[in-house]
Amino acid sequence: MINLPSTACTYFTAAHDEEKERIFPETASWISVTSREEYERRYPDMPARIVDNLLKPEARISVVSWETVVADPQGLAFMIDTAFRDRFTCEYNLSTPMRRSNS
């Protein structure tokens, strides 16, 4: 998941240990978010369906800022490759209806 600049979001989530080392090497301390309220506070523009999956450890969804992607396009390629590699081990909750508009 890539947060666009318009969200002004400063938080990020690395779902794979390799991403922590490759994409966010300057981050020495990581915390685990386990509540919907905290995800909604950090990512107020995130659809409920994505938040549902961020709460599931089996889903493994990473969230980065647009600035991170622009600064390191190869990092985005790395994240895509990592997600593709782990596609069979992820379990997503798709029961929440998809949002039909950006409102």
PDB file of N, CA and C in Angstrom:
ATOM      1  N   MET A   1       0.845  -1.159   0.000  1.00  0.00           N
ATOM      2  CA  MET A   1       0.000   0.000   0.000  1.00  0.00           C
ATOM      3  C   MET A   1       0.897   1.230   0.000  1.00  0.00           C
ATOM      4  N   ILE A   2       0.614   2.165  -0.889  1.00  0.00           N
ATOM      5  CA  ILE A   2       1.393   3.395  -0.969  1.00  0.00           C
ATOM      6  C   ILE A   2       0.498   4.571  -0.592  1.00  0.00           C
ATOM      7  N   ASN A   3       0.900   5.298   0.437  1.00  0.00           N
ATOM      8  CA  ASN A   3       0.177   6.510   0.832  1.00  0.00           C
ATOM      9  C   ASN A   3       0.615   7.659  -0.056  1.00  0.00           C
ATOM     10  N   LEU A   4      -0.336   8.317  -0.667  1.00  0.00           N
ATOM     11  CA  LEU A   4      -0.047   9.455  -1.532  1.00  0.00           C
ATOM     12  C   LEU A   4       0.310  10.683  -0.693  1.00  0.00           C
ATOM     13  N   PRO A   5       1.008  11.652  -1.283  1.00  0.00           N
ATOM     14  CA  PRO A   5       1.392  12.851  -0.527  1.00  0.00           C
ATOM     15  C   PRO A   5       0.207  13.588   0.089  1.00  0.00           C
ATOM     16  N   SER A   6      -0.949  13.535  -0.541  1.00  0.00           N
ATOM     17  CA  SER A   6      -2.120  14.248  -0.028  1.00  0.00           C
ATOM     18  C   SER A   6      -2.577  13.738   1.339  1.00  0.00           C
ATOM     19  N   THR A   7      -2.174  12.526   1.720  1.00  0.00           N
ATOM     20  CA  THR A   7      -2.560  12.005   3.034  1.00  0.00           C
ATOM     21  C   THR A   7      -1.720  12.608   4.155  1.00  0.00           C
ATOM     22  N   ALA A   8      -0.550  13.119   3.813  1.00  0.00           N
ATOM     23  CA  ALA A   8       0.381  13.689   4.804  1.00  0.00           C
ATOM     24  C   ALA A   8       0.685  12.710   5.936  1.00  0.00           C
ATOM     25  N   CYS A   9       0.681  11.434   5.622  1.00  0.00           N
ATOM     26  CA  CYS A   9       0.917  10.394   6.614  1.00  0.00           C
ATOM     27  C   CYS A   9       2.417  10.191   6.829  1.00  0.00           C
ATOM     28  N   THR A  10       2.837  10.134   8.084  1.00  0.00           N
ATOM     29  CA  THR A  10       4.246   9.925   8.403  1.00  0.00           C
ATOM     30  C   THR A  10       4.523   8.520   8.930  1.00  0.00           C
ATOM     31  N   TYR A  11       3.502   7.696   9.023  1.00  0.00           N
ATOM     32  CA  TYR A  11       3.670   6.336   9.527  1.00  0.00           C
ATOM     33  C   TYR A  11       3.925   5.372   8.382  1.00  0.00           C
ATOM     34  N   PHE A  12       4.529   4.242   8.717  1.00  0.00           N
ATOM     35  CA  PHE A  12       4.753   3.193   7.731  1.00  0.00           C
ATOM     36  C   PHE A  12       4.695   1.844   8.428  1.00  0.00           C
ATOM     37  N   THR A  13       4.454   0.805   7.644  1.00  0.00           N
ATOM     38  CA  THR A  13       4.359  -0.555   8.151  1.00  0.00           C
ATOM     39  C   THR A  13       5.188  -1.458   7.249  1.00  0.00           C
ATOM     40  N   ALA A  14       6.055  -2.251   7.833  1.00  0.00           N
ATOM     41  CA  ALA A  14       6.843  -3.221   7.076  1.00  0.00           C
ATOM     42  C   ALA A  14       6.390  -4.613   7.495  1.00  0.00           C
ATOM     43  N   ALA A  15       5.753  -5.311   6.584  1.00  0.00           N
ATOM     44  CA  ALA A  15       5.187  -6.613   6.908  1.00  0.00           C
ATOM     45  C   ALA A  15       6.198  -7.753   6.807  1.00  0.00           C
ATOM     46  N   HIS A  16       7.329  -7.495   6.207  1.00  0.00           N
ATOM     47  CA  HIS A  16       8.352  -8.526   6.014  1.00  0.00           C
ATOM     48  C   HIS A  16       9.665  -8.038   6.629  1.00  0.00           C
ATOM     49  N   ASP A  17      10.361  -8.916   7.336  1.00  0.00           N
ATOM     50  CA  ASP A  17      11.617  -8.522   7.972  1.00  0.00           C
ATOM     51  C   ASP A  17      12.612  -7.978   6.958  1.00  0.00           C
ATOM     52  N   GLU A  18      12.638  -8.559   5.762  1.00  0.00           N
ATOM     53  CA  GLU A  18      13.576  -8.089   4.739  1.00  0.00           C
ATOM     54  C   GLU A  18      13.319  -6.624   4.384  1.00  0.00           C
ATOM     55  N   GLU A  19      12.056  -6.223   4.406  1.00  0.00           N
ATOM     56  CA  GLU A  19      11.709  -4.837   4.101  1.00  0.00           C
ATOM     57  C   GLU A  19      12.243  -3.901   5.178  1.00  0.00           C
ATOM     58  N   LYS A  20      12.190  -4.329   6.404  1.00  0.00           N
ATOM     59  CA  LYS A  20      12.685  -3.494   7.497  1.00  0.00           C
ATOM     60  C   LYS A  20      14.150  -3.152   7.258  1.00  0.00           C
ATOM     61  N   GLU A  21      14.914  -4.120   6.849  1.00  0.00           N
ATOM     62  CA  GLU A  21      16.339  -3.910   6.614  1.00  0.00           C
ATOM     63  C   GLU A  21      16.603  -3.147   5.319  1.00  0.00           C
ATOM     64  N   ARG A  22      15.859  -3.437   4.267  1.00  0.00           N
ATOM     65  CA  ARG A  22      16.122  -2.863   2.941  1.00  0.00           C
ATOM     66  C   ARG A  22      15.490  -1.485   2.753  1.00  0.00           C
ATOM     67  N   ILE A  23      14.244  -1.319   3.178  1.00  0.00           N
ATOM     68  CA  ILE A  23      13.497  -0.085   2.928  1.00  0.00           C
ATOM     69  C   ILE A  23      13.662   0.932   4.061  1.00  0.00           C
ATOM     70  N   PHE A  24      13.757   0.452   5.289  1.00  0.00           N
ATOM     71  CA  PHE A  24      13.819   1.344   6.456  1.00  0.00           C
ATOM     72  C   PHE A  24      15.042   1.051   7.335  1.00  0.00           C
ATOM     73  N   PRO A  25      16.243   1.093   6.775  1.00  0.00           N
ATOM     74  CA  PRO A  25      17.428   0.736   7.572  1.00  0.00           C
ATOM     75  C   PRO A  25      17.699   1.704   8.728  1.00  0.00           C
ATOM     76  N   GLU A  26      17.185   2.929   8.633  1.00  0.00           N
ATOM     77  CA  GLU A  26      17.423   3.919   9.691  1.00  0.00           C
ATOM     78  C   GLU A  26      16.520   3.710  10.906  1.00  0.00           C
ATOM     79  N   THR A  27      15.525   2.835  10.792  1.00  0.00           N
ATOM     80  CA  THR A  27      14.600   2.585  11.898  1.00  0.00           C
ATOM     81  C   THR A  27      15.159   1.471  12.775  1.00  0.00           C
ATOM     82  N   ALA A  28      15.503   1.817  14.009  1.00  0.00           N
ATOM     83  CA  ALA A  28      16.121   0.864  14.922  1.00  0.00           C
ATOM     84  C   ALA A  28      15.105   0.167  15.817  1.00  0.00           C
ATOM     85  N   SER A  29      13.968   0.810  16.065  1.00  0.00           N
ATOM     86  CA  SER A  29      12.987   0.270  16.997  1.00  0.00           C
ATOM     87  C   SER A  29      11.635   0.157  16.299  1.00  0.00           C
ATOM     88  N   TRP A  30      11.037  -1.006  16.388  1.00  0.00           N
ATOM     89  CA  TRP A  30       9.743  -1.252  15.756  1.00  0.00           C
ATOM     90  C   TRP A  30       8.718  -1.584  16.825  1.00  0.00           C
ATOM     91  N   ILE A  31       7.472  -1.149  16.616  1.00  0.00           N
ATOM     92  CA  ILE A  31       6.390  -1.521  17.518  1.00  0.00           C
ATOM     93  C   ILE A  31       5.326  -2.246  16.711  1.00  0.00           C
ATOM     94  N   SER A  32       4.566  -3.060  17.390  1.00  0.00           N
ATOM     95  CA  SER A  32       3.456  -3.770  16.749  1.00  0.00           C
ATOM     96  C   SER A  32       2.156  -3.067  17.091  1.00  0.00           C
ATOM     97  N   VAL A  33       1.398  -2.764  16.072  1.00  0.00           N
ATOM     98  CA  VAL A  33       0.080  -2.165  16.267  1.00  0.00           C
ATOM     99  C   VAL A  33      -0.927  -3.311  16.246  1.00  0.00           C
ATOM    100  N   THR A  34      -1.782  -3.358  17.263  1.00  0.00           N
ATOM    101  CA  THR A  34      -2.720  -4.479  17.362  1.00  0.00           C
ATOM    102  C   THR A  34      -4.173  -4.043  17.467  1.00  0.00           C
ATOM    103  N   SER A  35      -4.425  -2.736  17.421  1.00  0.00           N
ATOM    104  CA  SER A  35      -5.818  -2.296  17.563  1.00  0.00           C
ATOM    105  C   SER A  35      -6.279  -1.528  16.334  1.00  0.00           C
ATOM    106  N   ARG A  36      -7.541  -1.697  16.029  1.00  0.00           N
ATOM    107  CA  ARG A  36      -8.156  -0.975  14.921  1.00  0.00           C
ATOM    108  C   ARG A  36      -8.067   0.534  15.154  1.00  0.00           C
ATOM    109  N   GLU A  37      -8.302   0.950  16.382  1.00  0.00           N
ATOM    110  CA  GLU A  37      -8.271   2.369  16.703  1.00  0.00           C
ATOM    111  C   GLU A  37      -6.908   2.989  16.363  1.00  0.00           C
ATOM    112  N   GLU A  38      -5.839   2.280  16.678  1.00  0.00           N
ATOM    113  CA  GLU A  38      -4.507   2.812  16.398  1.00  0.00           C
ATOM    114  C   GLU A  38      -4.236   2.856  14.892  1.00  0.00           C
ATOM    115  N   TYR A  39      -4.644   1.822  14.160  1.00  0.00           N
ATOM    116  CA  TYR A  39      -4.471   1.860  12.697  1.00  0.00           C
ATOM    117  C   TYR A  39      -5.283   3.007  12.092  1.00  0.00           C
ATOM    118  N   GLU A  40      -6.495   3.192  12.568  1.00  0.00           N
ATOM    119  CA  GLU A  40      -7.328   4.276  12.041  1.00  0.00           C
ATOM    120  C   GLU A  40      -6.768   5.645  12.408  1.00  0.00           C
ATOM    121  N   ARG A  41      -6.130   5.759  13.542  1.00  0.00           N
ATOM    122  CA  ARG A  41      -5.479   7.019  13.921  1.00  0.00           C
ATOM    123  C   ARG A  41      -4.271   7.280  13.018  1.00  0.00           C
ATOM    124  N   ARG A  42      -3.475   6.255  12.787  1.00  0.00           N
ATOM    125  CA  ARG A  42      -2.275   6.410  11.968  1.00  0.00           C
ATOM    126  C   ARG A  42      -2.604   6.601  10.488  1.00  0.00           C
ATOM    127  N   TYR A  43      -3.601   5.881  10.022  1.00  0.00           N
ATOM    128  CA  TYR A  43      -3.964   5.901   8.605  1.00  0.00           C
ATOM    129  C   TYR A  43      -5.441   6.270   8.437  1.00  0.00           C
ATOM    130  N   PRO A  44      -5.808   7.525   8.688  1.00  0.00           N
ATOM    131  CA  PRO A  44      -7.228   7.904   8.653  1.00  0.00           C
ATOM    132  C   PRO A  44      -7.878   7.780   7.274  1.00  0.00           C
ATOM    133  N   ASP A  45      -7.090   7.755   6.215  1.00  0.00           N
ATOM    134  CA  ASP A  45      -7.643   7.637   4.864  1.00  0.00           C
ATOM    135  C   ASP A  45      -7.692   6.197   4.363  1.00  0.00           C
ATOM    136  N   MET A  46      -7.251   5.260   5.168  1.00  0.00           N
ATOM    137  CA  MET A  46      -7.182   3.863   4.761  1.00  0.00           C
ATOM    138  C   MET A  46      -8.581   3.237   4.777  1.00  0.00           C
ATOM    139  N   PRO A  47      -8.967   2.544   3.699  1.00  0.00           N
ATOM    140  CA  PRO A  47     -10.267   1.866   3.683  1.00  0.00           C
ATOM    141  C   PRO A  47     -10.352   0.797   4.780  1.00  0.00           C
ATOM    142  N   ALA A  48     -11.547   0.577   5.296  1.00  0.00           N
ATOM    143  CA  ALA A  48     -11.776  -0.406   6.366  1.00  0.00           C
ATOM    144  C   ALA A  48     -11.298  -1.799   5.954  1.00  0.00           C
ATOM    145  N   ARG A  49     -11.460  -2.131   4.700  1.00  0.00           N
ATOM    146  CA  ARG A  49     -11.042  -3.448   4.202  1.00  0.00           C
ATOM    147  C   ARG A  49      -9.530  -3.648   4.357  1.00  0.00           C
ATOM    148  N   ILE A  50      -8.760  -2.611   4.134  1.00  0.00           N
ATOM    149  CA  ILE A  50      -7.307  -2.705   4.307  1.00  0.00           C
ATOM    150  C   ILE A  50      -6.962  -2.782   5.792  1.00  0.00           C
ATOM    151  N   VAL A  51      -7.640  -1.971   6.612  1.00  0.00           N
ATOM    152  CA  VAL A  51      -7.392  -2.017   8.060  1.00  0.00           C
ATOM    153  C   VAL A  51      -7.698  -3.414   8.596  1.00  0.00           C
ATOM    154  N   ASP A  52      -8.775  -4.032   8.131  1.00  0.00           N
ATOM    155  CA  ASP A  52      -9.091  -5.408   8.545  1.00  0.00           C
ATOM    156  C   ASP A  52      -7.899  -6.324   8.322  1.00  0.00           C
ATOM    157  N   ASN A  53      -7.249  -6.157   7.185  1.00  0.00           N
ATOM    158  CA  ASN A  53      -6.126  -7.018   6.850  1.00  0.00           C
ATOM    159  C   ASN A  53      -4.836  -6.618   7.555  1.00  0.00           C
ATOM    160  N   LEU A  54      -4.662  -5.344   7.845  1.00  0.00           N
ATOM    161  CA  LEU A  54      -3.493  -4.939   8.638  1.00  0.00           C
ATOM    162  C   LEU A  54      -3.548  -5.565  10.024  1.00  0.00           C
ATOM    163  N   LEU A  55      -4.750  -5.807  10.527  1.00  0.00           N
ATOM    164  CA  LEU A  55      -4.922  -6.423  11.844  1.00  0.00           C
ATOM    165  C   LEU A  55      -4.615  -7.920  11.841  1.00  0.00           C
ATOM    166  N   LYS A  56      -4.590  -8.531  10.672  1.00  0.00           N
ATOM    167  CA  LYS A  56      -4.316  -9.965  10.562  1.00  0.00           C
ATOM    168  C   LYS A  56      -2.833 -10.193  10.294  1.00  0.00           C
ATOM    169  N   PRO A  57      -2.119 -10.816  11.218  1.00  0.00           N
ATOM    170  CA  PRO A  57      -0.696 -11.067  10.978  1.00  0.00           C
ATOM    171  C   PRO A  57      -0.442 -11.934   9.736  1.00  0.00           C
ATOM    172  N   GLU A  58      -1.417 -12.757   9.378  1.00  0.00           N
ATOM    173  CA  GLU A  58      -1.253 -13.643   8.219  1.00  0.00           C
ATOM    174  C   GLU A  58      -1.363 -12.902   6.893  1.00  0.00           C
ATOM    175  N   ALA A  59      -1.884 -11.678   6.911  1.00  0.00           N
ATOM    176  CA  ALA A  59      -2.101 -10.947   5.664  1.00  0.00           C
ATOM    177  C   ALA A  59      -0.815 -10.293   5.163  1.00  0.00           C
ATOM    178  N   ARG A  60      -0.009  -9.771   6.043  1.00  0.00           N
ATOM    179  CA  ARG A  60       1.288  -9.166   5.718  1.00  0.00           C
ATOM    180  C   ARG A  60       1.196  -8.114   4.620  1.00  0.00           C
ATOM    181  N   ILE A  61       0.666  -6.973   4.999  1.00  0.00           N
ATOM    182  CA  ILE A  61       0.551  -5.820   4.101  1.00  0.00           C
ATOM    183  C   ILE A  61       1.509  -4.734   4.579  1.00  0.00           C
ATOM    184  N   SER A  62       2.325  -4.249   3.668  1.00  0.00           N
ATOM    185  CA  SER A  62       3.231  -3.147   3.984  1.00  0.00           C
ATOM    186  C   SER A  62       2.611  -1.836   3.525  1.00  0.00           C
ATOM    187  N   VAL A  63       2.924  -0.773   4.255  1.00  0.00           N
ATOM    188  CA  VAL A  63       2.436   0.563   3.923  1.00  0.00           C
ATOM    189  C   VAL A  63       3.646   1.494   3.884  1.00  0.00           C
ATOM    190  N   VAL A  64       3.815   2.185   2.763  1.00  0.00           N
ATOM    191  CA  VAL A  64       4.928   3.130   2.616  1.00  0.00           C
ATOM    192  C   VAL A  64       4.400   4.445   2.071  1.00  0.00           C
ATOM    193  N   SER A  65       5.201   5.470   2.209  1.00  0.00           N
ATOM    194  CA  SER A  65       4.817   6.774   1.672  1.00  0.00           C
ATOM    195  C   SER A  65       5.251   6.887   0.216  1.00  0.00           C
ATOM    196  N   TRP A  66       4.608   7.786  -0.490  1.00  0.00           N
ATOM    197  CA  TRP A  66       4.970   8.074  -1.874  1.00  0.00           C
ATOM    198  C   TRP A  66       6.433   8.537  -1.947  1.00  0.00           C
ATOM    199  N   GLU A  67       6.853   9.336  -0.973  1.00  0.00           N
ATOM    200  CA  GLU A  67       8.214   9.853  -0.952  1.00  0.00           C
ATOM    201  C   GLU A  67       9.240   8.717  -0.870  1.00  0.00           C
ATOM    202  N   THR A  68       8.919   7.674  -0.117  1.00  0.00           N
ATOM    203  CA  THR A  68       9.816   6.525  -0.006  1.00  0.00           C
ATOM    204  C   THR A  68       9.977   5.840  -1.363  1.00  0.00           C
ATOM    205  N   VAL A  69       8.884   5.697  -2.078  1.00  0.00           N
ATOM    206  CA  VAL A  69       8.909   5.050  -3.388  1.00  0.00           C
ATOM    207  C   VAL A  69       9.690   5.893  -4.396  1.00  0.00           C
ATOM    208  N   VAL A  70       9.445   7.195  -4.399  1.00  0.00           N
ATOM    209  CA  VAL A  70      10.133   8.083  -5.335  1.00  0.00           C
ATOM    210  C   VAL A  70      11.638   8.104  -5.048  1.00  0.00           C
ATOM    211  N   ALA A  71      12.010   8.101  -3.773  1.00  0.00           N
ATOM    212  CA  ALA A  71      13.424   8.150  -3.405  1.00  0.00           C
ATOM    213  C   ALA A  71      14.161   6.852  -3.726  1.00  0.00           C
ATOM    214  N   ASP A  72      13.426   5.734  -3.788  1.00  0.00           N
ATOM    215  CA  ASP A  72      14.065   4.434  -4.011  1.00  0.00           C
ATOM    216  C   ASP A  72      13.169   3.528  -4.853  1.00  0.00           C
ATOM    217  N   PRO A  73      13.089   3.759  -6.169  1.00  0.00           N
ATOM    218  CA  PRO A  73      12.246   2.921  -7.023  1.00  0.00           C
ATOM    219  C   PRO A  73      12.626   1.438  -6.969  1.00  0.00           C
ATOM    220  N   GLN A  74      13.903   1.144  -6.779  1.00  0.00           N
ATOM    221  CA  GLN A  74      14.313  -0.257  -6.658  1.00  0.00           C
ATOM    222  C   GLN A  74      13.772  -0.882  -5.365  1.00  0.00           C
ATOM    223  N   GLY A  75      13.569  -0.043  -4.359  1.00  0.00           N
ATOM    224  CA  GLY A  75      12.952  -0.525  -3.131  1.00  0.00           C
ATOM    225  C   GLY A  75      11.518  -0.965  -3.372  1.00  0.00           C
ATOM    226  N   LEU A  76      10.800  -0.229  -4.221  1.00  0.00           N
ATOM    227  CA  LEU A  76       9.437  -0.632  -4.581  1.00  0.00           C
ATOM    228  C   LEU A  76       9.468  -1.971  -5.306  1.00  0.00           C
ATOM    229  N   ALA A  77      10.397  -2.135  -6.236  1.00  0.00           N
ATOM    230  CA  ALA A  77      10.535  -3.414  -6.942  1.00  0.00           C
ATOM    231  C   ALA A  77      10.821  -4.539  -5.949  1.00  0.00           C
ATOM    232  N   PHE A  78      11.659  -4.264  -4.952  1.00  0.00           N
ATOM    233  CA  PHE A  78      11.965  -5.248  -3.914  1.00  0.00           C
ATOM    234  C   PHE A  78      10.708  -5.626  -3.135  1.00  0.00           C
ATOM    235  N   MET A  79       9.904  -4.628  -2.783  1.00  0.00           N
ATOM    236  CA  MET A  79       8.674  -4.898  -2.032  1.00  0.00           C
ATOM    237  C   MET A  79       7.681  -5.717  -2.857  1.00  0.00           C
ATOM    238  N   ILE A  80       7.574  -5.415  -4.141  1.00  0.00           N
ATOM    239  CA  ILE A  80       6.680  -6.179  -5.017  1.00  0.00           C
ATOM    240  C   ILE A  80       7.162  -7.616  -5.117  1.00  0.00           C
ATOM    241  N   ASP A  81       8.453  -7.807  -5.303  1.00  0.00           N
ATOM    242  CA  ASP A  81       9.005  -9.162  -5.377  1.00  0.00           C
ATOM    243  C   ASP A  81       8.778  -9.938  -4.084  1.00  0.00           C
ATOM    244  N   THR A  82       8.947  -9.259  -2.957  1.00  0.00           N
ATOM    245  CA  THR A  82       8.738  -9.910  -1.656  1.00  0.00           C
ATOM    246  C   THR A  82       7.277 -10.320  -1.480  1.00  0.00           C
ATOM    247  N   ALA A  83       6.359  -9.436  -1.830  1.00  0.00           N
ATOM    248  CA  ALA A  83       4.928  -9.753  -1.727  1.00  0.00           C
ATOM    249  C   ALA A  83       4.563 -10.912  -2.669  1.00  0.00           C
ATOM    250  N   PHE A  84       5.124 -10.902  -3.867  1.00  0.00           N
ATOM    251  CA  PHE A  84       4.849 -11.980  -4.822  1.00  0.00           C
ATOM    252  C   PHE A  84       5.391 -13.306  -4.290  1.00  0.00           C
ATOM    253  N   ARG A  85       6.570 -13.287  -3.736  1.00  0.00           N
ATOM    254  CA  ARG A  85       7.174 -14.509  -3.197  1.00  0.00           C
ATOM    255  C   ARG A  85       6.303 -15.107  -2.080  1.00  0.00           C
ATOM    256  N   ASP A  86       5.706 -14.259  -1.262  1.00  0.00           N
ATOM    257  CA  ASP A  86       4.932 -14.726  -0.111  1.00  0.00           C
ATOM    258  C   ASP A  86       3.434 -14.868  -0.395  1.00  0.00           C
ATOM    259  N   ARG A  87       3.025 -14.765  -1.643  1.00  0.00           N
ATOM    260  CA  ARG A  87       1.598 -14.736  -1.988  1.00  0.00           C
ATOM    261  C   ARG A  87       0.838 -15.971  -1.526  1.00  0.00           C
ATOM    262  N   PHE A  88       1.475 -17.123  -1.455  1.00  0.00           N
ATOM    263  CA  PHE A  88       0.760 -18.340  -1.072  1.00  0.00           C
ATOM    264  C   PHE A  88       0.674 -18.521   0.438  1.00  0.00           C
ATOM    265  N   THR A  89       1.429 -17.744   1.193  1.00  0.00           N
ATOM    266  CA  THR A  89       1.398 -17.870   2.653  1.00  0.00           C
ATOM    267  C   THR A  89       0.549 -16.797   3.316  1.00  0.00           C
ATOM    268  N   CYS A  90       0.044 -15.853   2.540  1.00  0.00           N
ATOM    269  CA  CYS A  90      -0.794 -14.786   3.089  1.00  0.00           C
ATOM    270  C   CYS A  90      -2.265 -15.197   3.067  1.00  0.00           C
ATOM    271  N   GLU A  91      -2.971 -14.795   4.110  1.00  0.00           N
ATOM    272  CA  GLU A  91      -4.408 -15.045   4.201  1.00  0.00           C
ATOM    273  C   GLU A  91      -5.102 -13.705   4.412  1.00  0.00           C
ATOM    274  N   TYR A  92      -5.890 -13.303   3.434  1.00  0.00           N
ATOM    275  CA  TYR A  92      -6.561 -12.009   3.492  1.00  0.00           C
ATOM    276  C   TYR A  92      -8.023 -12.161   3.885  1.00  0.00           C
ATOM    277  N   ASN A  93      -8.531 -11.177   4.606  1.00  0.00           N
ATOM    278  CA  ASN A  93      -9.941 -11.108   4.957  1.00  0.00           C
ATOM    279  C   ASN A  93     -10.608 -10.228   3.901  1.00  0.00           C
ATOM    280  N   LEU A  94     -11.388 -10.827   3.035  1.00  0.00           N
ATOM    281  CA  LEU A  94     -12.048 -10.089   1.963  1.00  0.00           C
ATOM    282  C   LEU A  94     -13.541  -9.935   2.202  1.00  0.00           C
ATOM    283  N   SER A  95     -13.978 -10.126   3.456  1.00  0.00           N
ATOM    284  CA  SER A  95     -15.409 -10.065   3.756  1.00  0.00           C
ATOM    285  C   SER A  95     -15.961  -8.641   3.798  1.00  0.00           C
ATOM    286  N   THR A  96     -15.125  -7.672   4.119  1.00  0.00           N
ATOM    287  CA  THR A  96     -15.586  -6.283   4.150  1.00  0.00           C
ATOM    288  C   THR A  96     -15.804  -5.799   2.721  1.00  0.00           C
ATOM    289  N   PRO A  97     -16.951  -5.197   2.440  1.00  0.00           N
ATOM    290  CA  PRO A  97     -17.204  -4.717   1.074  1.00  0.00           C
ATOM    291  C   PRO A  97     -16.157  -3.695   0.628  1.00  0.00           C
ATOM    292  N   MET A  98     -15.835  -3.725  -0.655  1.00  0.00           N
ATOM    293  CA  MET A  98     -14.899  -2.761  -1.212  1.00  0.00           C
ATOM    294  C   MET A  98     -15.543  -1.382  -1.222  1.00  0.00           C
ATOM    295  N   ARG A  99     -14.732  -0.374  -1.004  1.00  0.00           N
ATOM    296  CA  ARG A  99     -15.212   1.003  -1.076  1.00  0.00           C
ATOM    297  C   ARG A  99     -15.445   1.350  -2.544  1.00  0.00           C
ATOM    298  N   ARG A 100     -16.563   1.954  -2.829  1.00  0.00           N
ATOM    299  CA  ARG A 100     -16.941   2.254  -4.221  1.00  0.00           C
ATOM    300  C   ARG A 100     -16.503   3.633  -4.686  1.00  0.00           C
ATOM    301  N   SER A 101     -16.177   4.523  -3.748  1.00  0.00           N
ATOM    302  CA  SER A 101     -15.715   5.858  -4.116  1.00  0.00           C
ATOM    303  C   SER A 101     -14.702   6.322  -3.080  1.00  0.00           C
ATOM    304  N   ASN A 102     -14.030   7.415  -3.357  1.00  0.00           N
ATOM    305  CA  ASN A 102     -13.022   7.929  -2.443  1.00  0.00           C
ATOM    306  C   ASN A 102     -13.579   8.883  -1.409  1.00  0.00           C
ATOM    307  N   SER A 103     -14.840   8.772  -1.119  1.00  0.00           N
ATOM    308  CA  SER A 103     -15.425   9.678  -0.122  1.00  0.00           C
ATOM    309  C   SER A 103     -15.277   9.145   1.282  1.00  0.00           C
TER     310      SER A 103
END
